Amino acid sequence: MADEVLSMIASARLIPPPEAYAARSYLSSYDEYRARYQASIDDPAAFWDEIADELVWQQRGKTVIAGELPDFQFFPGSYINVCENCVDRQAKHPMYATRWRSSSRGRTANAAA
């Protein structure tokens, strides 16, 4: 069953997103995605160190990956504030943290945080 599913996925037709969407996305093309994916395979520590630069850290150690599968750690001894990285950073951008819709009046309101 799993082999059949993987085969279907591998043979699936690639449908690219609209150009306007891709232009403002984290990765703007399939080629860029493949390059980043390959970088994550070739040197996982360097890949995750680069990704970690996007976070706000309370304390960041120098070690990226300690140990080996299945017993390993990412960024041992490092600390982040999850709320600051997941909620607060979204409130600083023009996206909405909360969207409310009135069921009785059909009105919509947005709150940035």
PDB file of N, CA and C in Angstrom:
ATOM      1  N   MET A   1       0.823  -1.203   0.000  1.00  0.00           N
ATOM      2  CA  MET A   1       0.000   0.000   0.000  1.00  0.00           C
ATOM      3  C   MET A   1       0.863   1.262   0.000  1.00  0.00           C
ATOM      4  N   ALA A   2       1.862   1.307   0.897  1.00  0.00           N
ATOM      5  CA  ALA A   2       2.713   2.491   0.984  1.00  0.00           C
ATOM      6  C   ALA A   2       3.488   2.700  -0.312  1.00  0.00           C
ATOM      7  N   ASP A   3       3.989   1.605  -0.913  1.00  0.00           N
ATOM      8  CA  ASP A   3       4.718   1.714  -2.177  1.00  0.00           C
ATOM      9  C   ASP A   3       3.825   2.250  -3.284  1.00  0.00           C
ATOM     10  N   GLU A   4       2.573   1.834  -3.273  1.00  0.00           N
ATOM     11  CA  GLU A   4       1.620   2.301  -4.279  1.00  0.00           C
ATOM     12  C   GLU A   4       1.372   3.799  -4.131  1.00  0.00           C
ATOM     13  N   VAL A   5       1.217   4.249  -2.903  1.00  0.00           N
ATOM     14  CA  VAL A   5       0.984   5.671  -2.646  1.00  0.00           C
ATOM     15  C   VAL A   5       2.199   6.491  -3.072  1.00  0.00           C
ATOM     16  N   LEU A   6       3.394   6.035  -2.701  1.00  0.00           N
ATOM     17  CA  LEU A   6       4.607   6.744  -3.092  1.00  0.00           C
ATOM     18  C   LEU A   6       4.772   6.801  -4.602  1.00  0.00           C
ATOM     19  N   SER A   7       4.413   5.720  -5.272  1.00  0.00           N
ATOM     20  CA  SER A   7       4.473   5.688  -6.730  1.00  0.00           C
ATOM     21  C   SER A   7       3.510   6.707  -7.336  1.00  0.00           C
ATOM     22  N   MET A   8       2.314   6.804  -6.785  1.00  0.00           N
ATOM     23  CA  MET A   8       1.331   7.776  -7.271  1.00  0.00           C
ATOM     24  C   MET A   8       1.840   9.195  -7.064  1.00  0.00           C
ATOM     25  N   ILE A   9       2.438   9.461  -5.920  1.00  0.00           N
ATOM     26  CA  ILE A   9       2.963  10.794  -5.640  1.00  0.00           C
ATOM     27  C   ILE A   9       4.084  11.131  -6.613  1.00  0.00           C
ATOM     28  N   ALA A  10       4.992  10.184  -6.839  1.00  0.00           N
ATOM     29  CA  ALA A  10       6.127  10.412  -7.734  1.00  0.00           C
ATOM     30  C   ALA A  10       5.689  10.675  -9.169  1.00  0.00           C
ATOM     31  N   SER A  11       4.600  10.070  -9.587  1.00  0.00           N
ATOM     32  CA  SER A  11       4.151  10.232 -10.971  1.00  0.00           C
ATOM     33  C   SER A  11       3.121  11.358 -11.125  1.00  0.00           C
ATOM     34  N   ALA A  12       2.797  12.040 -10.046  1.00  0.00           N
ATOM     35  CA  ALA A  12       1.786  13.102 -10.099  1.00  0.00           C
ATOM     36  C   ALA A  12       2.293  14.282 -10.928  1.00  0.00           C
ATOM     37  N   ARG A  13       1.385  14.935 -11.577  1.00  0.00           N
ATOM     38  CA  ARG A  13       1.701  16.101 -12.398  1.00  0.00           C
ATOM     39  C   ARG A  13       1.953  17.287 -11.479  1.00  0.00           C
ATOM     40  N   LEU A  14       3.005  18.042 -11.747  1.00  0.00           N
ATOM     41  CA  LEU A  14       3.340  19.228 -10.969  1.00  0.00           C
ATOM     42  C   LEU A  14       2.502  20.399 -11.468  1.00  0.00           C
ATOM     43  N   ILE A  15       1.756  21.004 -10.567  1.00  0.00           N
ATOM     44  CA  ILE A  15       0.924  22.155 -10.918  1.00  0.00           C
ATOM     45  C   ILE A  15       1.479  23.354 -10.158  1.00  0.00           C
ATOM     46  N   PRO A  16       2.136  24.268 -10.866  1.00  0.00           N
ATOM     47  CA  PRO A  16       2.743  25.410 -10.184  1.00  0.00           C
ATOM     48  C   PRO A  16       1.687  26.402  -9.703  1.00  0.00           C
ATOM     49  N   PRO A  17       2.006  27.148  -8.641  1.00  0.00           N
ATOM     50  CA  PRO A  17       1.076  28.172  -8.161  1.00  0.00           C
ATOM     51  C   PRO A  17       1.088  29.370  -9.114  1.00  0.00           C
ATOM     52  N   PRO A  18       0.099  30.243  -9.011  1.00  0.00           N
ATOM     53  CA  PRO A  18       0.110  31.456  -9.835  1.00  0.00           C
ATOM     54  C   PRO A  18       1.381  32.274  -9.567  1.00  0.00           C
ATOM     55  N   GLU A  19       1.892  32.962 -10.583  1.00  0.00           N
ATOM     56  CA  GLU A  19       3.139  33.712 -10.449  1.00  0.00           C
ATOM     57  C   GLU A  19       3.080  34.754  -9.337  1.00  0.00           C
ATOM     58  N   ALA A  20       1.963  35.437  -9.186  1.00  0.00           N
ATOM     59  CA  ALA A  20       1.844  36.467  -8.142  1.00  0.00           C
ATOM     60  C   ALA A  20       1.986  35.850  -6.754  1.00  0.00           C
ATOM     61  N   TYR A  21       1.435  34.670  -6.560  1.00  0.00           N
ATOM     62  CA  TYR A  21       1.553  33.968  -5.283  1.00  0.00           C
ATOM     63  C   TYR A  21       2.990  33.519  -5.052  1.00  0.00           C
ATOM     64  N   ALA A  22       3.607  32.944  -6.071  1.00  0.00           N
ATOM     65  CA  ALA A  22       4.983  32.461  -5.962  1.00  0.00           C
ATOM     66  C   ALA A  22       5.946  33.601  -5.667  1.00  0.00           C
ATOM     67  N   ALA A  23       5.706  34.761  -6.255  1.00  0.00           N
ATOM     68  CA  ALA A  23       6.607  35.899  -6.072  1.00  0.00           C
ATOM     69  C   ALA A  23       6.685  36.357  -4.620  1.00  0.00           C
ATOM     70  N   ARG A  24       5.614  36.183  -3.852  1.00  0.00           N
ATOM     71  CA  ARG A  24       5.631  36.632  -2.454  1.00  0.00           C
ATOM     72  C   ARG A  24       5.765  35.470  -1.456  1.00  0.00           C
ATOM     73  N   SER A  25       6.014  34.285  -1.972  1.00  0.00           N
ATOM     74  CA  SER A  25       6.171  33.110  -1.128  1.00  0.00           C
ATOM     75  C   SER A  25       7.588  33.001  -0.585  1.00  0.00           C
ATOM     76  N   TYR A  26       7.743  32.185   0.453  1.00  0.00           N
ATOM     77  CA  TYR A  26       9.044  31.951   1.069  1.00  0.00           C
ATOM     78  C   TYR A  26      10.034  31.418   0.049  1.00  0.00           C
ATOM     79  N   LEU A  27       9.603  30.479  -0.759  1.00  0.00           N
ATOM     80  CA  LEU A  27      10.401  29.967  -1.872  1.00  0.00           C
ATOM     81  C   LEU A  27       9.631  30.288  -3.146  1.00  0.00           C
ATOM     82  N   SER A  28      10.277  30.960  -4.074  1.00  0.00           N
ATOM     83  CA  SER A  28       9.537  31.481  -5.216  1.00  0.00           C
ATOM     84  C   SER A  28       9.458  30.551  -6.424  1.00  0.00           C
ATOM     85  N   SER A  29      10.147  29.395  -6.356  1.00  0.00           N
ATOM     86  CA  SER A  29      10.072  28.475  -7.496  1.00  0.00           C
ATOM     87  C   SER A  29      10.336  27.040  -7.043  1.00  0.00           C
ATOM     88  N   TYR A  30       9.958  26.113  -7.888  1.00  0.00           N
ATOM     89  CA  TYR A  30      10.206  24.715  -7.599  1.00  0.00           C
ATOM     90  C   TYR A  30      11.708  24.437  -7.598  1.00  0.00           C
ATOM     91  N   ASP A  31      12.435  25.084  -8.486  1.00  0.00           N
ATOM     92  CA  ASP A  31      13.893  24.912  -8.522  1.00  0.00           C
ATOM     93  C   ASP A  31      14.538  25.390  -7.221  1.00  0.00           C
ATOM     94  N   GLU A  32      14.047  26.499  -6.692  1.00  0.00           N
ATOM     95  CA  GLU A  32      14.565  26.997  -5.414  1.00  0.00           C
ATOM     96  C   GLU A  32      14.241  26.002  -4.292  1.00  0.00           C
ATOM     97  N   TYR A  33      13.041  25.453  -4.318  1.00  0.00           N
ATOM     98  CA  TYR A  33      12.670  24.433  -3.335  1.00  0.00           C
ATOM     99  C   TYR A  33      13.608  23.235  -3.423  1.00  0.00           C
ATOM    100  N   ARG A  34      13.854  22.726  -4.635  1.00  0.00           N
ATOM    101  CA  ARG A  34      14.718  21.556  -4.813  1.00  0.00           C
ATOM    102  C   ARG A  34      16.135  21.854  -4.315  1.00  0.00           C
ATOM    103  N   ALA A  35      16.637  23.065  -4.574  1.00  0.00           N
ATOM    104  CA  ALA A  35      17.978  23.442  -4.117  1.00  0.00           C
ATOM    105  C   ALA A  35      18.039  23.476  -2.598  1.00  0.00           C
ATOM    106  N   ARG A  36      17.017  24.042  -1.966  1.00  0.00           N
ATOM    107  CA  ARG A  36      16.989  24.100  -0.497  1.00  0.00           C
ATOM    108  C   ARG A  36      16.853  22.698   0.090  1.00  0.00           C
ATOM    109  N   TYR A  37      16.020  21.878  -0.515  1.00  0.00           N
ATOM    110  CA  TYR A  37      15.862  20.499  -0.057  1.00  0.00           C
ATOM    111  C   TYR A  37      17.200  19.761  -0.131  1.00  0.00           C
ATOM    112  N   GLN A  38      17.883  19.902  -1.268  1.00  0.00           N
ATOM    113  CA  GLN A  38      19.171  19.225  -1.428  1.00  0.00           C
ATOM    114  C   GLN A  38      20.186  19.742  -0.404  1.00  0.00           C
ATOM    115  N   ALA A  39      20.169  21.037  -0.135  1.00  0.00           N
ATOM    116  CA  ALA A  39      21.065  21.606   0.884  1.00  0.00           C
ATOM    117  C   ALA A  39      20.772  20.995   2.252  1.00  0.00           C
ATOM    118  N   SER A  40      19.506  20.739   2.542  1.00  0.00           N
ATOM    119  CA  SER A  40      19.138  20.144   3.839  1.00  0.00           C
ATOM    120  C   SER A  40      19.635  18.707   3.951  1.00  0.00           C
ATOM    121  N   ILE A  41      19.742  18.021   2.833  1.00  0.00           N
ATOM    122  CA  ILE A  41      20.252  16.651   2.812  1.00  0.00           C
ATOM    123  C   ILE A  41      21.781  16.649   2.888  1.00  0.00           C
ATOM    124  N   ASP A  42      22.414  17.526   2.107  1.00  0.00           N
ATOM    125  CA  ASP A  42      23.877  17.570   2.023  1.00  0.00           C
ATOM    126  C   ASP A  42      24.533  18.003   3.333  1.00  0.00           C
ATOM    127  N   ASP A  43      23.962  19.001   3.992  1.00  0.00           N
ATOM    128  CA  ASP A  43      24.561  19.522   5.233  1.00  0.00           C
ATOM    129  C   ASP A  43      23.444  19.989   6.168  1.00  0.00           C
ATOM    130  N   PRO A  44      22.807  19.046   6.880  1.00  0.00           N
ATOM    131  CA  PRO A  44      21.662  19.398   7.729  1.00  0.00           C
ATOM    132  C   PRO A  44      21.987  20.473   8.772  1.00  0.00           C
ATOM    133  N   ALA A  45      23.161  20.417   9.373  1.00  0.00           N
ATOM    134  CA  ALA A  45      23.500  21.404  10.410  1.00  0.00           C
ATOM    135  C   ALA A  45      23.559  22.810   9.816  1.00  0.00           C
ATOM    136  N   ALA A  46      24.183  22.972   8.676  1.00  0.00           N
ATOM    137  CA  ALA A  46      24.260  24.297   8.044  1.00  0.00           C
ATOM    138  C   ALA A  46      22.871  24.772   7.618  1.00  0.00           C
ATOM    139  N   PHE A  47      22.066  23.858   7.092  1.00  0.00           N
ATOM    140  CA  PHE A  47      20.708  24.212   6.671  1.00  0.00           C
ATOM    141  C   PHE A  47      19.893  24.734   7.846  1.00  0.00           C
ATOM    142  N   TRP A  48      19.864  23.966   8.949  1.00  0.00           N
ATOM    143  CA  TRP A  48      19.055  24.371  10.092  1.00  0.00           C
ATOM    144  C   TRP A  48      19.626  25.583  10.818  1.00  0.00           C
ATOM    145  N   ASP A  49      20.939  25.773  10.763  1.00  0.00           N
ATOM    146  CA  ASP A  49      21.550  26.975  11.331  1.00  0.00           C
ATOM    147  C   ASP A  49      21.060  28.212  10.583  1.00  0.00           C
ATOM    148  N   GLU A  50      20.959  28.111   9.267  1.00  0.00           N
ATOM    149  CA  GLU A  50      20.460  29.224   8.454  1.00  0.00           C
ATOM    150  C   GLU A  50      18.977  29.485   8.737  1.00  0.00           C
ATOM    151  N   ILE A  51      18.187  28.432   8.814  1.00  0.00           N
ATOM    152  CA  ILE A  51      16.761  28.591   9.119  1.00  0.00           C
ATOM    153  C   ILE A  51      16.586  29.215  10.505  1.00  0.00           C
ATOM    154  N   ALA A  52      17.412  28.798  11.457  1.00  0.00           N
ATOM    155  CA  ALA A  52      17.309  29.305  12.835  1.00  0.00           C
ATOM    156  C   ALA A  52      17.582  30.798  12.923  1.00  0.00           C
ATOM    157  N   ASP A  53      18.304  31.354  11.957  1.00  0.00           N
ATOM    158  CA  ASP A  53      18.556  32.803  11.950  1.00  0.00           C
ATOM    159  C   ASP A  53      17.262  33.600  11.809  1.00  0.00           C
ATOM    160  N   GLU A  54      16.200  32.962  11.345  1.00  0.00           N
ATOM    161  CA  GLU A  54      14.919  33.645  11.178  1.00  0.00           C
ATOM    162  C   GLU A  54      14.146  33.764  12.491  1.00  0.00           C
ATOM    163  N   LEU A  55      14.571  33.058  13.524  1.00  0.00           N
ATOM    164  CA  LEU A  55      13.883  33.082  14.817  1.00  0.00           C
ATOM    165  C   LEU A  55      14.486  34.127  15.743  1.00  0.00           C
ATOM    166  N   VAL A  56      13.685  34.542  16.719  1.00  0.00           N
ATOM    167  CA  VAL A  56      14.167  35.393  17.804  1.00  0.00           C
ATOM    168  C   VAL A  56      14.529  34.455  18.943  1.00  0.00           C
ATOM    169  N   TRP A  57      15.765  34.493  19.388  1.00  0.00           N
ATOM    170  CA  TRP A  57      16.274  33.579  20.412  1.00  0.00           C
ATOM    171  C   TRP A  57      16.423  34.295  21.740  1.00  0.00           C
ATOM    172  N   GLN A  58      16.061  33.605  22.819  1.00  0.00           N
ATOM    173  CA  GLN A  58      16.344  34.092  24.165  1.00  0.00           C
ATOM    174  C   GLN A  58      17.801  33.772  24.498  1.00  0.00           C
ATOM    175  N   GLN A  59      18.227  32.581  24.083  1.00  0.00           N
ATOM    176  CA  GLN A  59      19.609  32.130  24.241  1.00  0.00           C
ATOM    177  C   GLN A  59      19.881  31.135  23.121  1.00  0.00           C
ATOM    178  N   ARG A  60      20.957  31.363  22.383  1.00  0.00           N
ATOM    179  CA  ARG A  60      21.278  30.459  21.283  1.00  0.00           C
ATOM    180  C   ARG A  60      22.702  29.940  21.436  1.00  0.00           C
ATOM    181  N   GLY A  61      22.797  28.636  21.569  1.00  0.00           N
ATOM    182  CA  GLY A  61      24.103  27.994  21.654  1.00  0.00           C
ATOM    183  C   GLY A  61      24.721  27.837  20.285  1.00  0.00           C
ATOM    184  N   LYS A  62      25.944  27.385  20.246  1.00  0.00           N
ATOM    185  CA  LYS A  62      26.661  27.217  18.982  1.00  0.00           C
ATOM    186  C   LYS A  62      26.348  25.890  18.302  1.00  0.00           C
ATOM    187  N   THR A  63      25.966  24.879  19.084  1.00  0.00           N
ATOM    188  CA  THR A  63      25.707  23.551  18.523  1.00  0.00           C
ATOM    189  C   THR A  63      24.328  23.509  17.882  1.00  0.00           C
ATOM    190  N   VAL A  64      24.268  23.026  16.652  1.00  0.00           N
ATOM    191  CA  VAL A  64      23.000  22.920  15.925  1.00  0.00           C
ATOM    192  C   VAL A  64      22.371  21.549  16.148  1.00  0.00           C
ATOM    193  N   ILE A  65      23.127  20.483  15.919  1.00  0.00           N
ATOM    194  CA  ILE A  65      22.624  19.122  16.081  1.00  0.00           C
ATOM    195  C   ILE A  65      23.613  18.359  16.959  1.00  0.00           C
ATOM    196  N   ALA A  66      23.100  17.777  18.034  1.00  0.00           N
ATOM    197  CA  ALA A  66      23.936  16.967  18.933  1.00  0.00           C
ATOM    198  C   ALA A  66      23.387  15.551  18.949  1.00  0.00           C
ATOM    199  N   GLY A  67      24.260  14.567  18.834  1.00  0.00           N
ATOM    200  CA  GLY A  67      23.838  13.168  18.843  1.00  0.00           C
ATOM    201  C   GLY A  67      23.508  12.685  17.449  1.00  0.00           C
ATOM    202  N   GLU A  68      22.958  11.483  17.407  1.00  0.00           N
ATOM    203  CA  GLU A  68      22.577  10.871  16.136  1.00  0.00           C
ATOM    204  C   GLU A  68      21.231  10.191  16.297  1.00  0.00           C
ATOM    205  N   LEU A  69      20.563   9.950  15.163  1.00  0.00           N
ATOM    206  CA  LEU A  69      19.271   9.282  15.195  1.00  0.00           C
ATOM    207  C   LEU A  69      19.388   7.951  15.925  1.00  0.00           C
ATOM    208  N   PRO A  70      18.457   7.558  16.696  1.00  0.00           N
ATOM    209  CA  PRO A  70      17.205   8.245  17.004  1.00  0.00           C
ATOM    210  C   PRO A  70      17.305   9.170  18.224  1.00  0.00           C
ATOM    211  N   ASP A  71      18.481   9.262  18.816  1.00  0.00           N
ATOM    212  CA  ASP A  71      18.650  10.050  20.036  1.00  0.00           C
ATOM    213  C   ASP A  71      19.486  11.291  19.736  1.00  0.00           C
ATOM    214  N   PHE A  72      18.840  12.366  19.320  1.00  0.00           N
ATOM    215  CA  PHE A  72      19.564  13.580  18.978  1.00  0.00           C
ATOM    216  C   PHE A  72      18.792  14.798  19.482  1.00  0.00           C
ATOM    217  N   GLN A  73      19.442  15.948  19.455  1.00  0.00           N
ATOM    218  CA  GLN A  73      18.818  17.207  19.870  1.00  0.00           C
ATOM    219  C   GLN A  73      19.142  18.284  18.846  1.00  0.00           C
ATOM    220  N   PHE A  74      18.176  19.161  18.600  1.00  0.00           N
ATOM    221  CA  PHE A  74      18.421  20.369  17.826  1.00  0.00           C
ATOM    222  C   PHE A  74      18.689  21.503  18.800  1.00  0.00           C
ATOM    223  N   PHE A  75      19.735  22.254  18.597  1.00  0.00           N
ATOM    224  CA  PHE A  75      20.075  23.441  19.372  1.00  0.00           C
ATOM    225  C   PHE A  75      20.041  23.183  20.880  1.00  0.00           C
ATOM    226  N   PRO A  76      20.809  22.186  21.348  1.00  0.00           N
ATOM    227  CA  PRO A  76      20.802  21.904  22.791  1.00  0.00           C
ATOM    228  C   PRO A  76      21.289  23.115  23.586  1.00  0.00           C
ATOM    229  N   GLY A  77      20.601  23.380  24.695  1.00  0.00           N
ATOM    230  CA  GLY A  77      20.955  24.519  25.541  1.00  0.00           C
ATOM    231  C   GLY A  77      20.447  25.849  25.027  1.00  0.00           C
ATOM    232  N   SER A  78      19.720  25.849  23.935  1.00  0.00           N
ATOM    233  CA  SER A  78      19.179  27.080  23.362  1.00  0.00           C
ATOM    234  C   SER A  78      17.716  27.229  23.762  1.00  0.00           C
ATOM    235  N   TYR A  79      17.234  28.482  23.785  1.00  0.00           N
ATOM    236  CA  TYR A  79      15.855  28.745  24.203  1.00  0.00           C
ATOM    237  C   TYR A  79      15.231  29.799  23.309  1.00  0.00           C
ATOM    238  N   ILE A  80      13.961  29.571  22.950  1.00  0.00           N
ATOM    239  CA  ILE A  80      13.173  30.573  22.238  1.00  0.00           C
ATOM    240  C   ILE A  80      11.869  30.781  23.008  1.00  0.00           C
ATOM    241  N   ASN A  81      11.233  31.908  22.754  1.00  0.00           N
ATOM    242  CA  ASN A  81       9.908  32.175  23.271  1.00  0.00           C
ATOM    243  C   ASN A  81       8.956  31.868  22.116  1.00  0.00           C
ATOM    244  N   VAL A  82       8.214  30.787  22.228  1.00  0.00           N
ATOM    245  CA  VAL A  82       7.355  30.342  21.135  1.00  0.00           C
ATOM    246  C   VAL A  82       6.312  31.404  20.785  1.00  0.00           C
ATOM    247  N   CYS A  83       5.732  32.052  21.777  1.00  0.00           N
ATOM    248  CA  CYS A  83       4.730  33.082  21.510  1.00  0.00           C
ATOM    249  C   CYS A  83       5.336  34.225  20.699  1.00  0.00           C
ATOM    250  N   GLU A  84       6.527  34.638  21.058  1.00  0.00           N
ATOM    251  CA  GLU A  84       7.194  35.725  20.336  1.00  0.00           C
ATOM    252  C   GLU A  84       7.436  35.347  18.881  1.00  0.00           C
ATOM    253  N   ASN A  85       7.801  34.114  18.643  1.00  0.00           N
ATOM    254  CA  ASN A  85       8.110  33.675  17.282  1.00  0.00           C
ATOM    255  C   ASN A  85       6.882  33.313  16.472  1.00  0.00           C
ATOM    256  N   CYS A  86       5.822  32.852  17.099  1.00  0.00           N
ATOM    257  CA  CYS A  86       4.641  32.401  16.355  1.00  0.00           C
ATOM    258  C   CYS A  86       3.510  33.423  16.312  1.00  0.00           C
ATOM    259  N   VAL A  87       3.344  34.198  17.363  1.00  0.00           N
ATOM    260  CA  VAL A  87       2.229  35.137  17.419  1.00  0.00           C
ATOM    261  C   VAL A  87       2.693  36.570  17.221  1.00  0.00           C
ATOM    262  N   ASP A  88       3.637  37.008  18.038  1.00  0.00           N
ATOM    263  CA  ASP A  88       4.064  38.406  17.998  1.00  0.00           C
ATOM    264  C   ASP A  88       4.605  38.812  16.632  1.00  0.00           C
ATOM    265  N   ARG A  89       5.392  37.959  16.001  1.00  0.00           N
ATOM    266  CA  ARG A  89       5.966  38.329  14.701  1.00  0.00           C
ATOM    267  C   ARG A  89       4.888  38.452  13.640  1.00  0.00           C
ATOM    268  N   GLN A  90       3.797  37.685  13.752  1.00  0.00           N
ATOM    269  CA  GLN A  90       2.704  37.809  12.792  1.00  0.00           C
ATOM    270  C   GLN A  90       1.955  39.119  12.985  1.00  0.00           C
ATOM    271  N   ALA A  91       1.870  39.583  14.228  1.00  0.00           N
ATOM    272  CA  ALA A  91       1.164  40.826  14.517  1.00  0.00           C
ATOM    273  C   ALA A  91       1.910  42.031  13.954  1.00  0.00           C
ATOM    274  N   LYS A  92       3.195  41.910  13.704  1.00  0.00           N
ATOM    275  CA  LYS A  92       4.002  43.008  13.166  1.00  0.00           C
ATOM    276  C   LYS A  92       3.854  43.132  11.650  1.00  0.00           C
ATOM    277  N   HIS A  93       3.224  42.170  11.022  1.00  0.00           N
ATOM    278  CA  HIS A  93       3.042  42.170   9.572  1.00  0.00           C
ATOM    279  C   HIS A  93       1.570  42.454   9.261  1.00  0.00           C
ATOM    280  N   PRO A  94       1.259  42.768   8.016  1.00  0.00           N
ATOM    281  CA  PRO A  94      -0.129  43.092   7.684  1.00  0.00           C
ATOM    282  C   PRO A  94      -1.065  41.886   7.600  1.00  0.00           C
ATOM    283  N   MET A  95      -0.694  40.785   8.214  1.00  0.00           N
ATOM    284  CA  MET A  95      -1.598  39.645   8.284  1.00  0.00           C
ATOM    285  C   MET A  95      -2.423  39.781   9.560  1.00  0.00           C
ATOM    286  N   TYR A  96      -3.510  39.078   9.615  1.00  0.00           N
ATOM    287  CA  TYR A  96      -4.375  39.164  10.773  1.00  0.00           C
ATOM    288  C   TYR A  96      -4.131  38.016  11.733  1.00  0.00           C
ATOM    289  N   ALA A  97      -3.985  38.344  13.019  1.00  0.00           N
ATOM    290  CA  ALA A  97      -3.815  37.312  14.034  1.00  0.00           C
ATOM    291  C   ALA A  97      -5.167  36.693  14.382  1.00  0.00           C
ATOM    292  N   THR A  98      -6.226  37.492  14.304  1.00  0.00           N
ATOM    293  CA  THR A  98      -7.558  37.016  14.638  1.00  0.00           C
ATOM    294  C   THR A  98      -8.557  37.554  13.620  1.00  0.00           C
ATOM    295  N   ARG A  99      -9.461  36.722  13.187  1.00  0.00           N
ATOM    296  CA  ARG A  99     -10.525  37.149  12.282  1.00  0.00           C
ATOM    297  C   ARG A  99     -11.834  36.692  12.899  1.00  0.00           C
ATOM    298  N   TRP A 100     -12.776  37.618  13.048  1.00  0.00           N
ATOM    299  CA  TRP A 100     -14.052  37.344  13.694  1.00  0.00           C
ATOM    300  C   TRP A 100     -15.168  37.669  12.718  1.00  0.00           C
ATOM    301  N   ARG A 101     -16.165  36.816  12.678  1.00  0.00           N
ATOM    302  CA  ARG A 101     -17.310  37.039  11.811  1.00  0.00           C
ATOM    303  C   ARG A 101     -18.574  36.888  12.637  1.00  0.00           C
ATOM    304  N   SER A 102     -19.426  37.897  12.590  1.00  0.00           N
ATOM    305  CA  SER A 102     -20.686  37.881  13.321  1.00  0.00           C
ATOM    306  C   SER A 102     -21.670  36.965  12.613  1.00  0.00           C
ATOM    307  N   SER A 103     -22.226  36.021  13.339  1.00  0.00           N
ATOM    308  CA  SER A 103     -23.193  35.119  12.724  1.00  0.00           C
ATOM    309  C   SER A 103     -24.556  35.789  12.557  1.00  0.00           C
ATOM    310  N   SER A 104     -24.846  36.775  13.382  1.00  0.00           N
ATOM    311  CA  SER A 104     -26.174  37.419  13.301  1.00  0.00           C
ATOM    312  C   SER A 104     -26.222  38.571  12.304  1.00  0.00           C
ATOM    313  N   ARG A 105     -25.112  39.275  12.116  1.00  0.00           N
ATOM    314  CA  ARG A 105     -25.122  40.432  11.224  1.00  0.00           C
ATOM    315  C   ARG A 105     -24.288  40.242   9.972  1.00  0.00           C
ATOM    316  N   GLY A 106     -23.499  39.177   9.911  1.00  0.00           N
ATOM    317  CA  GLY A 106     -22.694  38.938   8.730  1.00  0.00           C
ATOM    318  C   GLY A 106     -21.482  39.864   8.597  1.00  0.00           C
ATOM    319  N   ARG A 107     -21.155  40.568   9.673  1.00  0.00           N
ATOM    320  CA  ARG A 107     -20.005  41.488   9.630  1.00  0.00           C
ATOM    321  C   ARG A 107     -18.726  40.726   9.942  1.00  0.00           C
ATOM    322  N   THR A 108     -17.617  41.271   9.436  1.00  0.00           N
ATOM    323  CA  THR A 108     -16.305  40.686   9.685  1.00  0.00           C
ATOM    324  C   THR A 108     -15.404  41.741  10.301  1.00  0.00           C
ATOM    325  N   ALA A 109     -14.620  41.353  11.296  1.00  0.00           N
ATOM    326  CA  ALA A 109     -13.670  42.265  11.926  1.00  0.00           C
ATOM    327  C   ALA A 109     -12.331  41.552  12.023  1.00  0.00           C
ATOM    328  N   ASN A 110     -11.258  42.318  11.923  1.00  0.00           N
ATOM    329  CA  ASN A 110      -9.912  41.772  12.003  1.00  0.00           C
ATOM    330  C   ASN A 110      -9.169  42.426  13.146  1.00  0.00           C
ATOM    331  N   ALA A 111      -8.345  41.665  13.826  1.00  0.00           N
ATOM    332  CA  ALA A 111      -7.505  42.198  14.903  1.00  0.00           C
ATOM    333  C   ALA A 111      -6.070  41.804  14.629  1.00  0.00           C
ATOM    334  N   ALA A 112      -5.177  42.783  14.672  1.00  0.00           N
ATOM    335  CA  ALA A 112      -3.772  42.510  14.388  1.00  0.00           C
ATOM    336  C   ALA A 112      -3.074  41.900  15.583  1.00  0.00           C
ATOM    337  N   ALA A 113      -3.622  41.945  16.733  1.00  0.00           N
ATOM    338  CA  ALA A 113      -3.118  41.258  17.926  1.00  0.00           C
ATOM    339  C   ALA A 113      -3.522  42.002  19.164  1.00  0.00           C
TER     340      ALA A 113
END
